[in-house]
Protein backbone atom coordinates (compact mmCIF):
# COMPACT_ATOMS: atom_id res chain seq x y z
CA MET A 1 100.98 238.38 73.94
CA LYS A 2 99.98 241.70 75.43
CA THR A 3 97.30 241.51 78.10
CA PHE A 4 94.55 244.12 77.88
CA LYS A 5 93.88 246.29 80.89
CA GLN A 6 90.81 245.20 82.86
CA SER A 7 88.74 248.19 81.73
CA THR A 8 89.67 247.59 78.09
CA ALA A 9 88.86 243.90 78.34
CA SER A 10 85.43 244.68 79.79
CA LEU A 11 84.79 247.17 77.03
CA LEU A 12 85.85 244.65 74.41
CA THR A 13 83.44 242.05 75.79
CA THR A 14 80.57 244.54 75.74
CA LEU A 15 81.34 245.61 72.19
CA VAL A 16 81.45 242.06 70.93
CA MET A 17 78.06 241.33 72.49
CA CYS A 18 76.57 244.46 70.95
CA PHE A 19 78.06 243.87 67.54
CA GLY A 20 76.69 240.37 67.37
CA LEU A 21 73.35 242.05 66.62
CA ALA A 22 74.60 245.02 64.59
CA SER A 23 76.20 245.78 61.23
CA CYS A 24 79.92 245.08 61.13
CA ALA A 25 80.49 248.36 59.33
CA ALA A 26 79.14 250.49 62.17
CA PRO A 27 81.81 252.92 63.44
CA LEU A 28 83.07 252.89 67.02
CA MET A 29 84.31 255.95 68.88
CA PHE A 30 85.31 256.39 72.50
CA GLY A 31 87.80 258.42 74.46
CA GLY A 32 91.49 257.74 74.85
CA VAL A 33 93.02 258.74 78.18
CA VAL A 34 96.70 259.62 78.32
CA GLY A 35 98.98 260.29 81.30
CA GLY A 36 97.87 263.28 83.34
CA GLY A 37 94.19 262.62 82.63
CA MET A 38 94.14 264.43 79.26
CA VAL A 39 91.28 263.21 77.07
CA ALA A 40 91.35 263.68 73.29
CA THR A 41 87.95 264.71 71.99
CA ASP A 42 86.26 264.43 68.61
CA ARG A 43 87.77 267.07 66.33
CA ARG A 44 84.48 267.78 64.59
CA SER A 45 82.10 270.43 65.82
CA PRO A 46 78.88 269.17 67.46
CA GLY A 47 76.93 270.45 64.45
CA ILE A 48 79.06 268.46 62.00
CA GLN A 49 78.72 265.33 64.14
CA VAL A 50 74.94 265.62 63.91
CA GLU A 51 75.16 266.29 60.18
CA ASP A 52 77.33 263.19 59.66
CA GLU A 53 74.65 261.06 61.30
CA ALA A 54 72.00 262.66 59.07
CA ILE A 55 74.11 261.99 55.95
CA GLU A 56 74.38 258.30 56.87
CA GLN A 57 70.62 258.07 57.38
CA ARG A 58 69.77 259.91 54.16
CA SER A 59 72.20 257.74 52.18
CA ALA A 60 70.79 254.51 53.60
CA THR A 61 67.27 255.69 52.78
CA ALA A 62 68.23 256.50 49.19
CA ILE A 63 69.70 253.03 48.66
CA ARG A 64 66.76 251.29 50.32
CA GLU A 65 64.27 253.19 48.15
CA ASN A 66 66.16 252.29 44.96
CA PHE A 67 67.42 248.76 45.64
CA GLY A 68 65.42 247.47 48.60
CA ASP A 69 67.35 244.77 50.48
CA LYS A 70 69.05 243.32 47.38
CA GLU A 71 72.44 244.92 48.04
CA HIS A 72 74.63 245.00 51.16
CA VAL A 73 75.76 248.62 51.43
CA SER A 74 76.94 250.49 54.55
CA PHE A 75 77.73 254.17 55.02
CA THR A 76 80.09 256.00 57.38
CA SER A 77 80.32 259.79 57.24
CA PHE A 78 83.11 261.81 58.86
CA ASN A 79 83.24 265.58 58.47
CA ARG A 80 80.79 265.16 55.57
CA LYS A 81 83.08 262.76 53.69
CA LEU A 82 81.16 259.56 53.00
CA LEU A 83 82.73 256.09 52.98
CA ILE A 84 80.73 253.35 51.21
CA THR A 85 81.51 249.73 52.10
CA GLY A 86 79.87 246.40 51.39
CA GLU A 87 79.10 244.17 48.42
CA VAL A 88 76.90 244.71 45.35
CA SER A 89 75.78 242.50 42.51
CA SER A 90 77.46 244.34 39.62
CA ASP A 91 79.78 247.18 38.70
CA ARG A 92 76.78 249.03 37.28
CA VAL A 93 75.11 248.96 40.70
CA ARG A 94 78.38 250.07 42.28
CA GLN A 95 78.43 253.17 40.12
CA GLN A 96 74.72 253.81 40.64
CA VAL A 97 75.17 253.75 44.41
CA GLN A 98 77.95 256.32 44.19
CA GLN A 99 75.88 258.57 41.93
CA LEU A 100 72.90 258.39 44.28
CA VAL A 101 74.77 259.27 47.46
CA SER A 102 76.85 261.96 45.75
CA ARG A 103 73.60 263.90 45.46
CA VAL A 104 72.73 263.51 49.14
CA GLU A 105 72.47 266.87 50.88
CA ASN A 106 75.73 268.18 52.42
CA VAL A 107 77.96 265.32 51.18
CA ARG A 108 81.26 266.92 50.14
CA GLY A 109 83.14 263.81 49.07
CA VAL A 110 82.66 260.08 48.49
CA GLU A 111 85.09 257.18 49.00
CA ASN A 112 83.60 254.18 47.18
CA ALA A 113 85.01 250.95 48.65
CA LEU A 114 82.20 248.69 47.39
CA VAL A 115 83.21 245.38 45.87
CA VAL A 116 81.30 243.27 43.37
CA GLY A 117 80.42 239.93 44.89
CA PHE A 118 78.12 237.99 47.17
CA PRO A 119 77.01 239.73 50.38
CA SER A 120 79.14 238.90 53.41
CA SER A 121 77.74 236.22 55.70
CA PHE A 122 76.57 236.71 59.26
CA SER A 123 79.70 235.00 60.57
CA GLU A 124 81.92 237.29 58.47
CA ARG A 125 80.13 240.36 59.81
CA ALA A 126 80.44 239.09 63.37
CA SER A 127 84.15 238.52 62.76
CA ASP A 128 84.49 242.09 61.48
CA ALA A 129 82.65 243.38 64.54
CA LEU A 130 85.13 241.61 66.79
CA LEU A 131 88.01 242.97 64.71
CA VAL A 132 86.78 246.56 65.11
CA ALA A 133 86.58 246.06 68.87
CA LYS A 134 90.12 244.65 68.95
CA VAL A 135 91.44 247.58 66.91
CA LYS A 136 89.83 250.16 69.17
CA ALA A 137 91.09 248.35 72.28
CA ALA A 138 94.62 248.35 70.84
CA MET A 139 94.34 252.10 70.25
CA VAL A 140 93.17 252.74 73.81
CA ASP A 141 96.09 250.72 75.16
CA THR A 142 98.59 252.76 73.11
CA GLU A 143 99.52 255.92 75.00
CA ASP A 144 100.38 258.06 71.97
CA VAL A 145 97.22 257.23 69.98
CA PHE A 146 94.05 259.21 70.77
CA ALA A 147 91.35 256.66 70.00
CA ASN A 148 88.53 259.17 70.12
CA VAL A 149 89.67 261.03 66.99
CA TYR A 150 89.29 257.96 64.74
CA LYS A 151 86.38 256.14 63.19
CA VAL A 152 87.07 252.48 62.49
CA VAL A 153 85.17 250.45 59.90
CA ALA A 154 85.80 246.79 59.05
CA GLU A 155 84.77 244.86 55.94
CA ARG A 156 86.00 241.28 55.46
CA GLY A 157 89.18 241.91 57.42
CA THR A 158 89.99 245.25 55.81
CA ILE A 159 90.13 248.15 58.26
CA TYR A 160 89.17 251.64 57.10
CA LEU A 161 90.40 254.51 59.29
CA MET A 162 88.71 257.91 59.17
CA GLY A 163 89.47 261.09 61.09
CA ARG A 164 91.06 264.55 61.12
CA VAL A 165 94.68 263.82 61.95
CA THR A 166 98.24 264.90 61.23
CA GLU A 167 100.50 262.75 59.08
CA ARG A 168 102.38 261.79 62.24
CA GLU A 169 99.16 260.60 63.91
CA ALA A 170 98.04 258.76 60.78
CA LYS A 171 101.34 256.86 60.56
CA ARG A 172 101.31 255.88 64.23
CA ALA A 173 97.67 254.74 64.22
CA THR A 174 98.24 252.70 61.08
CA GLU A 175 101.24 250.99 62.68
CA VAL A 176 99.12 250.01 65.68
CA VAL A 177 96.22 248.72 63.57
CA ARG A 178 98.48 246.64 61.31
CA GLY A 179 99.77 244.89 64.41
CA VAL A 180 96.30 243.66 65.42
CA SER A 181 95.71 239.98 64.74
CA GLY A 182 93.16 239.41 61.97
CA VAL A 183 93.69 242.70 60.12
CA LYS A 184 94.37 241.93 56.45
CA ARG A 185 94.71 245.45 55.12
CA VAL A 186 94.49 249.07 56.35
CA VAL A 187 92.92 251.80 54.19
CA MET A 188 93.39 255.40 55.31
CA VAL A 189 90.49 257.77 54.58
CA PHE A 190 91.90 260.71 56.53
CA GLU A 191 91.53 264.46 56.35
CA TYR A 192 95.01 265.74 57.12
CA LEU A 193 95.85 268.57 59.50
CA SER A 194 99.15 270.36 59.88
CA GLU A 195 100.89 270.33 63.24
CA SER A 196 100.11 274.05 63.59
CA ASP A 197 96.42 273.37 62.86
CA LEU A 198 96.43 270.76 65.61
CA GLN A 199 98.00 273.16 68.10
CA ALA A 200 95.40 275.80 67.22
CA MET A 201 92.60 273.32 67.99
CA LYS A 202 93.77 272.73 71.54
CA PRO A 203 91.61 274.48 74.17
CA LYS A 204 93.02 277.78 75.41
CA PRO A 205 93.48 278.23 79.17
CA LEU A 206 90.87 280.43 80.76
CA PRO A 207 92.14 283.91 81.71
CA THR A 208 92.47 284.49 85.40
CA GLU A 209 90.60 287.50 86.77
CA PRO A 210 92.60 289.89 88.95
CA THR A 211 91.57 289.70 92.58
CA THR A 212 91.13 292.72 94.80
CA PRO A 213 92.47 292.14 98.31
CA THR A 214 89.93 292.51 101.09
CA PRO A 215 90.78 295.64 103.11
CA VAL A 216 91.67 295.27 106.77
CA MET A 217 89.35 297.43 108.88
CA THR A 218 90.24 299.30 112.05
CA GLY A 219 88.08 299.17 115.14
CA ALA A 220 86.45 302.42 114.01
CA GLY A 221 85.40 300.83 110.73
CA VAL A 222 88.01 302.67 108.65
CA PRO A 223 90.11 300.74 106.11
CA LEU A 224 93.62 300.23 107.42
CA THR A 225 96.36 301.44 105.04
CA THR A 226 100.08 301.49 105.40
CA ASN A 227 99.88 305.26 106.03
CA SER A 228 97.13 305.05 108.62
CA PRO A 229 98.23 305.35 112.25
CA VAL A 230 97.29 302.38 114.39
CA SER A 231 95.73 303.28 117.70
CA THR A 232 94.55 301.04 120.45
CA PRO A 233 91.43 302.23 122.23
CA VAL A 234 91.83 302.83 125.97
CA LYS A 235 89.34 300.91 128.07
């Protein structure tokens, strides 16, 4: 069995402690470091990241105002595409939830993964929280997977992957996640980029400014050029 690096193990322990008090559907994101110190960053603009948080809050408010605490519904937004997970009491409620959040400001797409059934138990949500932490740790430990470009959501052993990735990246990340113990199924909710799109997103090197050499001055305070005669003052 593969042993986690010490930093990853510490992170995993912290995440498990935090998730014991939080919803199991909450997304996790942190940086992946690859050889040479290159860090893959979130491929959304800062403005879209803020908007995704606002979409999640507005969606949760809409459900709370219409259903109170009767239904277990969680929301994860990535690049304004909204994933709905959890359990509801009937198919009618399932459709109502989708209709409500489809009207939330700035939502441009909805992936409805709600199931009809009893709400998951606290132990099931804690197990999902641990599973999310294990998945993210596995990504960090895999050199060719940039963990920071993915959002990971777990619901009763099913892992939902969100992000802006190429087909190559999606395939590799899915392979890694399927190899994590406890994962029952992987659902890809990706926005696909072409390889050329990915190259265009990479930061451009800063242009170097031409430098003007500092002139060498003669004893008389005149710049010394190749054509200037050199004279030594007589003392």
